[in-house]
Amino acid sequence: MKKRSRVDWGAYLYIAPAFLLTIVFSLFSMGVSFWTSLHNWDPFKGGGDFVGLDNYRRVLMGTDSVFWTALRNTTLYVVMVLTGMMLTALPLALLCKKAKYLQGLFRTLYFLPSITPGVVVSLIFYQLFGLWGGLLDKSGTALFAIAMMGVWGGVGYNMLLFLAGLNEIPIDFYEAARMDGANALTEFRHITIPFLRNTLVFVLVMTIIGAYQVFTSVYVMTGGGPEKSTQVLAFDIFINAFSVSGQMGYASAAAWLLFLVISVFVFIQMRLMRSRRIYDE
């Protein structure tokens, strides 16, 4: 007779607090949000009539909706931040790895913006952009200025991720490549990039998720202006949820559509750049 394995209930007790918090503040909250999106909900009065998918129709096709404008602005912001992050985070990680002295100091200095409160950073950059010809006052440059701040705030965190990935690459591969006459560009293309595949996927996905949820900088610096050029999805959801009209159901529907947009991008990203084994252990 096969002996039945014992269940280690102690392990479940250890993860129970985190599991309960996830249920209450994530799964349960998502359920409430979806239920609210099906109602004409007013948080100031409480309750509301069941309207089915009417809120989703209003978001997508309503004449008073700015969803598509906000989606365009947010996507443009994501592209600018993602481009800036890829052009700065990995080169900084490569330079930091080559530093023989004070590498710990460099890591700390680059990482500090990532842990600085967003409101503080937004207020500082608001003053700086005012000195640089009023970038936030022009519809053609306001979103770009906010994207610059987004890159500055996140490049240090992503640099550390790339640096950790670089340190995991076996030095033997570089030595073998040099013996075969490979130059620095060849090493970067055929060794560094393939071995950083997992890190690249993680950085790309997390940058997209974070950039699509940009809110603090827009709220503090521009309020969606000028001429709605910085009206992003998260800010539009906030305005509709907590404005005088209190369109919480409408805002919840927009939030779920934002969730679907992010999910589509992440799914495509993971399918195109799924992890592969680089070498046999």
C-alpha atoms as a PDB file:
ATOM      1  CA  MET A   1       0.000   0.000   0.000  1.00  0.00           C
ATOM      2  CA  LYS A   2       1.379   3.395  -1.022  1.00  0.00           C
ATOM      3  CA  LYS A   3       2.136   5.673   1.898  1.00  0.00           C
ATOM      4  CA  ARG A   4       0.212   8.929   1.804  1.00  0.00           C
ATOM      5  CA  SER A   5       2.426  11.991   1.946  1.00  0.00           C
ATOM      6  CA  ARG A   6       1.895  14.412   4.804  1.00  0.00           C
ATOM      7  CA  VAL A   7       0.727  17.956   4.133  1.00  0.00           C
ATOM      8  CA  ASP A   8       2.981  20.614   5.598  1.00  0.00           C
ATOM      9  CA  TRP A   9       0.334  22.942   7.023  1.00  0.00           C
ATOM     10  CA  GLY A  10       3.017  25.146   8.539  1.00  0.00           C
ATOM     11  CA  ALA A  11       3.967  26.419   5.100  1.00  0.00           C
ATOM     12  CA  TYR A  12       0.345  27.357   4.386  1.00  0.00           C
ATOM     13  CA  LEU A  13       0.172  29.267   7.675  1.00  0.00           C
ATOM     14  CA  TYR A  14       3.220  31.291   6.671  1.00  0.00           C
ATOM     15  CA  ILE A  15       1.706  32.350   3.345  1.00  0.00           C
ATOM     16  CA  ALA A  16      -1.825  32.806   4.714  1.00  0.00           C
ATOM     17  CA  PRO A  17      -1.459  36.547   5.609  1.00  0.00           C
ATOM     18  CA  ALA A  18      -0.128  37.455   2.159  1.00  0.00           C
ATOM     19  CA  PHE A  19      -2.756  35.244   0.518  1.00  0.00           C
ATOM     20  CA  LEU A  20      -5.582  36.911   2.462  1.00  0.00           C
ATOM     21  CA  LEU A  21      -4.270  40.385   1.646  1.00  0.00           C
ATOM     22  CA  THR A  22      -4.154  39.427  -2.038  1.00  0.00           C
ATOM     23  CA  ILE A  23      -7.747  38.217  -1.923  1.00  0.00           C
ATOM     24  CA  VAL A  24      -9.047  41.295  -0.080  1.00  0.00           C
ATOM     25  CA  PHE A  25      -7.095  44.054  -1.805  1.00  0.00           C
ATOM     26  CA  SER A  26      -6.684  42.542  -5.286  1.00  0.00           C
ATOM     27  CA  LEU A  27      -9.205  39.864  -6.238  1.00  0.00           C
ATOM     28  CA  PHE A  28     -12.085  41.179  -4.139  1.00  0.00           C
ATOM     29  CA  SER A  29     -11.372  44.760  -5.213  1.00  0.00           C
ATOM     30  CA  MET A  30     -11.325  43.714  -8.863  1.00  0.00           C
ATOM     31  CA  GLY A  31     -14.656  41.992  -8.396  1.00  0.00           C
ATOM     32  CA  VAL A  32     -16.177  45.101  -6.802  1.00  0.00           C
ATOM     33  CA  SER A  33     -14.761  47.252  -9.602  1.00  0.00           C
ATOM     34  CA  PHE A  34     -16.318  45.038 -12.281  1.00  0.00           C
ATOM     35  CA  TRP A  35     -19.665  45.009 -10.446  1.00  0.00           C
ATOM     36  CA  THR A  36     -19.528  48.806 -10.197  1.00  0.00           C
ATOM     37  CA  SER A  37     -18.819  49.084 -13.930  1.00  0.00           C
ATOM     38  CA  LEU A  38     -22.176  47.446 -14.590  1.00  0.00           C
ATOM     39  CA  HIS A  39     -24.045  50.098 -12.611  1.00  0.00           C
ATOM     40  CA  ASN A  40     -24.696  53.803 -12.860  1.00  0.00           C
ATOM     41  CA  TRP A  41     -22.828  54.226  -9.573  1.00  0.00           C
ATOM     42  CA  ASP A  42     -22.446  57.497  -7.703  1.00  0.00           C
ATOM     43  CA  PRO A  43     -19.994  57.268  -4.776  1.00  0.00           C
ATOM     44  CA  PHE A  44     -21.369  60.485  -3.241  1.00  0.00           C
ATOM     45  CA  LYS A  45     -24.946  59.214  -3.091  1.00  0.00           C
ATOM     46  CA  GLY A  46     -24.316  55.473  -2.871  1.00  0.00           C
ATOM     47  CA  GLY A  47     -25.798  52.746  -5.039  1.00  0.00           C
ATOM     48  CA  GLY A  48     -27.026  53.032  -8.584  1.00  0.00           C
ATOM     49  CA  ASP A  49     -29.147  51.413 -11.281  1.00  0.00           C
ATOM     50  CA  PHE A  50     -27.947  48.339 -13.146  1.00  0.00           C
ATOM     51  CA  VAL A  51     -27.061  49.356 -16.717  1.00  0.00           C
ATOM     52  CA  GLY A  52     -25.213  46.270 -17.973  1.00  0.00           C
ATOM     53  CA  LEU A  53     -22.551  47.097 -20.543  1.00  0.00           C
ATOM     54  CA  ASP A  54     -23.842  50.604 -21.149  1.00  0.00           C
ATOM     55  CA  ASN A  55     -20.852  52.166 -19.364  1.00  0.00           C
ATOM     56  CA  TYR A  56     -18.472  50.314 -21.665  1.00  0.00           C
ATOM     57  CA  ARG A  57     -20.433  51.541 -24.687  1.00  0.00           C
ATOM     58  CA  ARG A  58     -20.260  55.116 -23.397  1.00  0.00           C
ATOM     59  CA  VAL A  59     -16.499  54.862 -22.872  1.00  0.00           C
ATOM     60  CA  LEU A  60     -15.840  53.458 -26.343  1.00  0.00           C
ATOM     61  CA  MET A  61     -18.437  55.282 -28.409  1.00  0.00           C
ATOM     62  CA  GLY A  62     -19.876  58.073 -26.282  1.00  0.00           C
ATOM     63  CA  THR A  63     -19.697  61.575 -27.727  1.00  0.00           C
ATOM     64  CA  ASP A  64     -18.562  62.926 -24.339  1.00  0.00           C
ATOM     65  CA  SER A  65     -15.796  60.333 -23.920  1.00  0.00           C
ATOM     66  CA  VAL A  66     -12.104  61.203 -24.248  1.00  0.00           C
ATOM     67  CA  PHE A  67     -11.063  57.565 -23.914  1.00  0.00           C
ATOM     68  CA  TRP A  68      -9.470  57.348 -27.359  1.00  0.00           C
ATOM     69  CA  THR A  69      -7.596  60.611 -26.887  1.00  0.00           C
ATOM     70  CA  ALA A  70      -6.345  59.401 -23.514  1.00  0.00           C
ATOM     71  CA  LEU A  71      -5.406  56.016 -24.974  1.00  0.00           C
ATOM     72  CA  ARG A  72      -3.452  57.677 -27.793  1.00  0.00           C
ATOM     73  CA  ASN A  73      -1.615  59.952 -25.361  1.00  0.00           C
ATOM     74  CA  THR A  74      -0.853  57.080 -22.996  1.00  0.00           C
ATOM     75  CA  THR A  75       0.430  54.833 -25.776  1.00  0.00           C
ATOM     76  CA  LEU A  76       2.638  57.625 -27.084  1.00  0.00           C
ATOM     77  CA  TYR A  77       3.969  58.146 -23.568  1.00  0.00           C
ATOM     78  CA  VAL A  78       4.687  54.408 -23.257  1.00  0.00           C
ATOM     79  CA  VAL A  79       6.620  54.399 -26.545  1.00  0.00           C
ATOM     80  CA  MET A  80       8.724  57.390 -25.500  1.00  0.00           C
ATOM     81  CA  VAL A  81       9.485  56.008 -22.035  1.00  0.00           C
ATOM     82  CA  LEU A  82      10.245  52.526 -23.373  1.00  0.00           C
ATOM     83  CA  THR A  83      12.590  53.923 -26.022  1.00  0.00           C
ATOM     84  CA  GLY A  84      14.369  56.163 -23.551  1.00  0.00           C
ATOM     85  CA  MET A  85      14.676  53.362 -21.022  1.00  0.00           C
ATOM     86  CA  MET A  86      16.236  50.927 -23.486  1.00  0.00           C
ATOM     87  CA  LEU A  87      18.683  53.566 -24.735  1.00  0.00           C
ATOM     88  CA  THR A  88      19.884  54.460 -21.246  1.00  0.00           C
ATOM     89  CA  ALA A  89      19.412  51.620 -18.731  1.00  0.00           C
ATOM     90  CA  LEU A  90      21.452  48.939 -20.517  1.00  0.00           C
ATOM     91  CA  PRO A  91      24.366  51.236 -21.507  1.00  0.00           C
ATOM     92  CA  LEU A  92      24.535  52.489 -17.913  1.00  0.00           C
ATOM     93  CA  ALA A  93      24.609  48.904 -16.656  1.00  0.00           C
ATOM     94  CA  LEU A  94      27.457  48.071 -19.054  1.00  0.00           C
ATOM     95  CA  LEU A  95      29.423  51.124 -17.902  1.00  0.00           C
ATOM     96  CA  CYS A  96      28.784  50.343 -14.253  1.00  0.00           C
ATOM     97  CA  LYS A  97      29.946  46.757 -14.720  1.00  0.00           C
ATOM     98  CA  LYS A  98      33.227  47.978 -16.207  1.00  0.00           C
ATOM     99  CA  ALA A  99      33.836  50.430 -13.356  1.00  0.00           C
ATOM    100  CA  LYS A 100      36.748  49.206 -11.212  1.00  0.00           C
ATOM    101  CA  TYR A 101      36.194  51.678  -8.404  1.00  0.00           C
ATOM    102  CA  LEU A 102      33.143  53.138  -6.615  1.00  0.00           C
ATOM    103  CA  GLN A 103      30.708  50.792  -8.385  1.00  0.00           C
ATOM    104  CA  GLY A 104      28.537  50.675  -5.266  1.00  0.00           C
ATOM    105  CA  LEU A 105      28.360  54.482  -5.195  1.00  0.00           C
ATOM    106  CA  PHE A 106      27.312  54.614  -8.849  1.00  0.00           C
ATOM    107  CA  ARG A 107      24.576  52.031  -8.263  1.00  0.00           C
ATOM    108  CA  THR A 108      23.259  54.006  -5.309  1.00  0.00           C
ATOM    109  CA  LEU A 109      23.242  57.342  -7.143  1.00  0.00           C
ATOM    110  CA  TYR A 110      21.435  55.938 -10.168  1.00  0.00           C
ATOM    111  CA  PHE A 111      18.902  54.120  -7.995  1.00  0.00           C
ATOM    112  CA  LEU A 112      17.976  57.095  -5.786  1.00  0.00           C
ATOM    113  CA  PRO A 113      15.444  58.589  -8.276  1.00  0.00           C
ATOM    114  CA  SER A 114      13.523  55.290  -8.218  1.00  0.00           C
ATOM    115  CA  ILE A 115      12.796  55.588  -4.490  1.00  0.00           C
ATOM    116  CA  THR A 116      12.158  59.341  -4.443  1.00  0.00           C
ATOM    117  CA  PRO A 117       8.428  60.153  -3.946  1.00  0.00           C
ATOM    118  CA  GLY A 118       6.722  60.887  -7.251  1.00  0.00           C
ATOM    119  CA  VAL A 119       5.119  64.101  -6.007  1.00  0.00           C
ATOM    120  CA  VAL A 120       8.505  65.499  -4.963  1.00  0.00           C
ATOM    121  CA  VAL A 121      10.068  64.613  -8.319  1.00  0.00           C
ATOM    122  CA  SER A 122       7.116  66.107 -10.198  1.00  0.00           C
ATOM    123  CA  LEU A 123       7.365  69.405  -8.311  1.00  0.00           C
ATOM    124  CA  ILE A 124      11.104  69.641  -8.968  1.00  0.00           C
ATOM    125  CA  PHE A 125      10.751  68.903 -12.668  1.00  0.00           C
ATOM    126  CA  TYR A 126       7.825  71.311 -12.885  1.00  0.00           C
ATOM    127  CA  GLN A 127      10.191  74.093 -11.875  1.00  0.00           C
ATOM    128  CA  LEU A 128      12.958  72.840 -14.181  1.00  0.00           C
ATOM    129  CA  PHE A 129      10.683  72.622 -17.220  1.00  0.00           C
ATOM    130  CA  GLY A 130       9.496  76.148 -16.467  1.00  0.00           C
ATOM    131  CA  LEU A 131      13.081  77.326 -16.766  1.00  0.00           C
ATOM    132  CA  TRP A 132      13.620  75.366 -20.000  1.00  0.00           C
ATOM    133  CA  GLY A 133      11.326  77.475 -22.137  1.00  0.00           C
ATOM    134  CA  GLY A 134       8.036  76.387 -20.564  1.00  0.00           C
ATOM    135  CA  LEU A 135       7.933  72.857 -22.020  1.00  0.00           C
ATOM    136  CA  LEU A 136       4.776  72.016 -20.069  1.00  0.00           C
ATOM    137  CA  ASP A 137       2.906  75.002 -21.471  1.00  0.00           C
ATOM    138  CA  LYS A 138       3.014  73.761 -25.065  1.00  0.00           C
ATOM    139  CA  SER A 139       0.823  70.932 -26.359  1.00  0.00           C
ATOM    140  CA  GLY A 140       3.608  69.700 -28.638  1.00  0.00           C
ATOM    141  CA  THR A 141       6.200  69.239 -25.883  1.00  0.00           C
ATOM    142  CA  ALA A 142       4.288  68.662 -22.636  1.00  0.00           C
ATOM    143  CA  LEU A 143       3.920  64.895 -23.003  1.00  0.00           C
ATOM    144  CA  PHE A 144       7.542  64.551 -24.095  1.00  0.00           C
ATOM    145  CA  ALA A 145       8.655  66.481 -21.010  1.00  0.00           C
ATOM    146  CA  ILE A 146       6.670  64.161 -18.729  1.00  0.00           C
ATOM    147  CA  ALA A 147       8.170  61.149 -20.527  1.00  0.00           C
ATOM    148  CA  MET A 148      11.671  62.540 -19.902  1.00  0.00           C
ATOM    149  CA  MET A 149      10.890  62.658 -16.209  1.00  0.00           C
ATOM    150  CA  GLY A 150       9.531  59.104 -16.358  1.00  0.00           C
ATOM    151  CA  VAL A 151      12.765  57.841 -17.884  1.00  0.00           C
ATOM    152  CA  TRP A 152      14.848  59.692 -15.290  1.00  0.00           C
ATOM    153  CA  GLY A 153      12.802  58.203 -12.465  1.00  0.00           C
ATOM    154  CA  GLY A 154      12.960  54.584 -13.632  1.00  0.00           C
ATOM    155  CA  VAL A 155      16.308  54.187 -15.369  1.00  0.00           C
ATOM    156  CA  GLY A 156      18.203  53.424 -12.151  1.00  0.00           C
ATOM    157  CA  TYR A 157      15.929  50.524 -11.193  1.00  0.00           C
ATOM    158  CA  ASN A 158      16.156  48.979 -14.647  1.00  0.00           C
ATOM    159  CA  MET A 159      19.911  49.541 -14.704  1.00  0.00           C
ATOM    160  CA  LEU A 160      20.228  47.395 -11.570  1.00  0.00           C
ATOM    161  CA  LEU A 161      18.151  44.654 -13.200  1.00  0.00           C
ATOM    162  CA  PHE A 162      20.387  44.677 -16.269  1.00  0.00           C
ATOM    163  CA  LEU A 163      23.489  44.740 -14.074  1.00  0.00           C
ATOM    164  CA  ALA A 164      22.271  41.673 -12.195  1.00  0.00           C
ATOM    165  CA  GLY A 165      21.675  39.928 -15.530  1.00  0.00           C
ATOM    166  CA  LEU A 166      25.138  40.883 -16.786  1.00  0.00           C
ATOM    167  CA  ASN A 167      26.766  39.479 -13.664  1.00  0.00           C
ATOM    168  CA  GLU A 168      25.074  36.115 -14.302  1.00  0.00           C
ATOM    169  CA  ILE A 169      26.670  35.699 -17.750  1.00  0.00           C
ATOM    170  CA  PRO A 170      29.601  33.242 -17.508  1.00  0.00           C
ATOM    171  CA  ILE A 171      32.891  34.980 -18.246  1.00  0.00           C
ATOM    172  CA  ASP A 172      34.059  31.879 -20.145  1.00  0.00           C
ATOM    173  CA  PHE A 173      31.873  32.816 -23.119  1.00  0.00           C
ATOM    174  CA  TYR A 174      33.553  36.202 -23.497  1.00  0.00           C
ATOM    175  CA  GLU A 175      37.021  34.684 -23.164  1.00  0.00           C
ATOM    176  CA  ALA A 176      36.242  32.066 -25.809  1.00  0.00           C
ATOM    177  CA  ALA A 177      34.854  34.765 -28.135  1.00  0.00           C
ATOM    178  CA  ARG A 178      37.989  36.873 -27.739  1.00  0.00           C
ATOM    179  CA  MET A 179      40.165  33.866 -28.564  1.00  0.00           C
ATOM    180  CA  ASP A 180      38.168  33.532 -31.799  1.00  0.00           C
ATOM    181  CA  GLY A 181      38.826  37.184 -32.623  1.00  0.00           C
ATOM    182  CA  ALA A 182      35.412  38.613 -31.722  1.00  0.00           C
ATOM    183  CA  ASN A 183      35.219  42.366 -31.106  1.00  0.00           C
ATOM    184  CA  ALA A 184      33.113  44.168 -28.501  1.00  0.00           C
ATOM    185  CA  LEU A 185      30.129  44.606 -30.842  1.00  0.00           C
ATOM    186  CA  THR A 186      30.128  40.909 -31.749  1.00  0.00           C
ATOM    187  CA  GLU A 187      30.266  39.932 -28.075  1.00  0.00           C
ATOM    188  CA  PHE A 188      27.359  42.254 -27.296  1.00  0.00           C
ATOM    189  CA  ARG A 189      25.245  40.932 -30.157  1.00  0.00           C
ATOM    190  CA  HIS A 190      25.889  37.196 -29.807  1.00  0.00           C
ATOM    191  CA  ILE A 191      26.538  36.812 -26.074  1.00  0.00           C
ATOM    192  CA  THR A 192      25.213  39.711 -24.010  1.00  0.00           C
ATOM    193  CA  ILE A 193      21.829  40.172 -25.686  1.00  0.00           C
ATOM    194  CA  PRO A 194      20.922  36.442 -25.865  1.00  0.00           C
ATOM    195  CA  PHE A 195      21.846  35.894 -22.215  1.00  0.00           C
ATOM    196  CA  LEU A 196      19.859  38.963 -21.183  1.00  0.00           C
ATOM    197  CA  ARG A 197      16.690  37.677 -22.858  1.00  0.00           C
ATOM    198  CA  ASN A 198      14.862  37.009 -19.589  1.00  0.00           C
ATOM    199  CA  THR A 199      15.926  40.349 -18.116  1.00  0.00           C
ATOM    200  CA  LEU A 200      14.920  42.192 -21.285  1.00  0.00           C
ATOM    201  CA  VAL A 201      11.469  40.617 -21.245  1.00  0.00           C
ATOM    202  CA  PHE A 202      10.977  41.501 -17.588  1.00  0.00           C
ATOM    203  CA  VAL A 203      12.136  45.104 -18.046  1.00  0.00           C
ATOM    204  CA  LEU A 204       9.993  45.598 -21.157  1.00  0.00           C
ATOM    205  CA  VAL A 205       6.862  44.157 -19.569  1.00  0.00           C
ATOM    206  CA  MET A 206       7.239  46.035 -16.275  1.00  0.00           C
ATOM    207  CA  THR A 207       8.037  49.297 -18.071  1.00  0.00           C
ATOM    208  CA  ILE A 208       4.930  48.960 -20.248  1.00  0.00           C
ATOM    209  CA  ILE A 209       2.726  48.168 -17.249  1.00  0.00           C
ATOM    210  CA  GLY A 210       4.108  51.070 -15.229  1.00  0.00           C
ATOM    211  CA  ALA A 211       3.999  53.575 -18.096  1.00  0.00           C
ATOM    212  CA  TYR A 212       0.380  52.761 -18.945  1.00  0.00           C
ATOM    213  CA  GLN A 213      -0.533  53.631 -15.351  1.00  0.00           C
ATOM    214  CA  VAL A 214       1.190  57.038 -15.309  1.00  0.00           C
ATOM    215  CA  PHE A 215      -0.765  59.399 -13.084  1.00  0.00           C
ATOM    216  CA  THR A 216       1.177  61.365 -10.453  1.00  0.00           C
ATOM    217  CA  SER A 217       3.278  63.446 -12.836  1.00  0.00           C
ATOM    218  CA  VAL A 218       0.242  64.392 -14.945  1.00  0.00           C
ATOM    219  CA  TYR A 219      -1.855  65.210 -11.886  1.00  0.00           C
ATOM    220  CA  VAL A 220       0.830  67.420 -10.327  1.00  0.00           C
ATOM    221  CA  MET A 221       2.364  69.048 -13.406  1.00  0.00           C
ATOM    222  CA  THR A 222      -0.270  69.538 -16.103  1.00  0.00           C
ATOM    223  CA  GLY A 223      -3.717  68.370 -15.010  1.00  0.00           C
ATOM    224  CA  GLY A 224      -4.186  66.803 -18.436  1.00  0.00           C
ATOM    225  CA  GLY A 225      -3.397  69.980 -20.381  1.00  0.00           C
ATOM    226  CA  PRO A 226      -2.578  71.923 -22.362  1.00  0.00           C
ATOM    227  CA  GLU A 227      -5.421  71.137 -24.774  1.00  0.00           C
ATOM    228  CA  LYS A 228      -5.686  67.570 -23.384  1.00  0.00           C
ATOM    229  CA  SER A 229      -2.233  66.752 -24.786  1.00  0.00           C
ATOM    230  CA  THR A 230      -1.312  64.984 -21.522  1.00  0.00           C
ATOM    231  CA  GLN A 231      -4.737  63.536 -20.761  1.00  0.00           C
ATOM    232  CA  VAL A 232      -3.733  59.937 -19.993  1.00  0.00           C
ATOM    233  CA  LEU A 233      -5.971  57.008 -19.103  1.00  0.00           C
ATOM    234  CA  ALA A 234      -5.282  56.835 -15.366  1.00  0.00           C
ATOM    235  CA  PHE A 235      -5.876  60.576 -14.971  1.00  0.00           C
ATOM    236  CA  ASP A 236      -9.084  60.396 -17.037  1.00  0.00           C
ATOM    237  CA  ILE A 237     -10.321  57.533 -14.849  1.00  0.00           C
ATOM    238  CA  PHE A 238      -9.563  59.556 -11.707  1.00  0.00           C
ATOM    239  CA  ILE A 239     -11.396  62.628 -12.983  1.00  0.00           C
ATOM    240  CA  ASN A 240     -14.496  60.647 -13.907  1.00  0.00           C
ATOM    241  CA  ALA A 241     -14.509  58.676 -10.651  1.00  0.00           C
ATOM    242  CA  PHE A 242     -14.083  61.579  -8.243  1.00  0.00           C
ATOM    243  CA  SER A 243     -15.446  64.567 -10.128  1.00  0.00           C
ATOM    244  CA  VAL A 244     -18.603  66.349  -9.036  1.00  0.00           C
ATOM    245  CA  SER A 245     -20.732  64.134 -11.275  1.00  0.00           C
ATOM    246  CA  GLY A 246     -19.277  61.040  -9.595  1.00  0.00           C
ATOM    247  CA  GLN A 247     -19.306  58.663 -12.537  1.00  0.00           C
ATOM    248  CA  MET A 248     -17.767  55.745 -10.662  1.00  0.00           C
ATOM    249  CA  GLY A 249     -19.400  53.129 -12.898  1.00  0.00           C
ATOM    250  CA  TYR A 250     -18.135  54.883 -16.020  1.00  0.00           C
ATOM    251  CA  ALA A 251     -14.645  55.175 -14.519  1.00  0.00           C
ATOM    252  CA  SER A 252     -14.642  51.493 -13.495  1.00  0.00           C
ATOM    253  CA  ALA A 253     -15.497  50.502 -17.064  1.00  0.00           C
ATOM    254  CA  ALA A 254     -12.601  52.625 -18.346  1.00  0.00           C
ATOM    255  CA  ALA A 255     -10.310  51.015 -15.755  1.00  0.00           C
ATOM    256  CA  TRP A 256     -11.232  47.536 -16.982  1.00  0.00           C
ATOM    257  CA  LEU A 257     -10.590  48.585 -20.575  1.00  0.00           C
ATOM    258  CA  LEU A 258      -7.161  49.856 -19.477  1.00  0.00           C
ATOM    259  CA  PHE A 259      -6.559  46.475 -17.844  1.00  0.00           C
ATOM    260  CA  LEU A 260      -7.432  44.745 -21.124  1.00  0.00           C
ATOM    261  CA  VAL A 261      -5.098  47.037 -23.091  1.00  0.00           C
ATOM    262  CA  ILE A 262      -2.196  46.275 -20.748  1.00  0.00           C
ATOM    263  CA  SER A 263      -2.984  42.545 -20.849  1.00  0.00           C
ATOM    264  CA  VAL A 264      -2.902  42.497 -24.660  1.00  0.00           C
ATOM    265  CA  PHE A 265       0.475  44.223 -24.794  1.00  0.00           C
ATOM    266  CA  VAL A 266       1.940  41.952 -22.135  1.00  0.00           C
ATOM    267  CA  PHE A 267       0.603  38.838 -23.888  1.00  0.00           C
ATOM    268  CA  ILE A 268       2.104  39.899 -27.215  1.00  0.00           C
ATOM    269  CA  GLN A 269       5.384  40.784 -25.526  1.00  0.00           C
ATOM    270  CA  MET A 270       5.653  37.412 -23.814  1.00  0.00           C
ATOM    271  CA  ARG A 271       4.777  35.533 -26.999  1.00  0.00           C
ATOM    272  CA  LEU A 272       7.325  37.383 -29.120  1.00  0.00           C
ATOM    273  CA  MET A 273      10.161  37.239 -26.589  1.00  0.00           C
ATOM    274  CA  ARG A 274       9.508  34.082 -24.614  1.00  0.00           C
ATOM    275  CA  SER A 275      12.506  32.684 -22.764  1.00  0.00           C
ATOM    276  CA  ARG A 276      14.647  30.042 -24.442  1.00  0.00           C
ATOM    277  CA  ARG A 277      17.561  27.966 -23.226  1.00  0.00           C
ATOM    278  CA  ILE A 278      20.796  29.553 -24.339  1.00  0.00           C
ATOM    279  CA  TYR A 279      23.124  26.732 -23.521  1.00  0.00           C
ATOM    280  CA  ASP A 280      22.996  23.246 -22.092  1.00  0.00           C
ATOM    281  CA  GLU A 281      23.970  23.018 -18.468  1.00  0.00           C
END
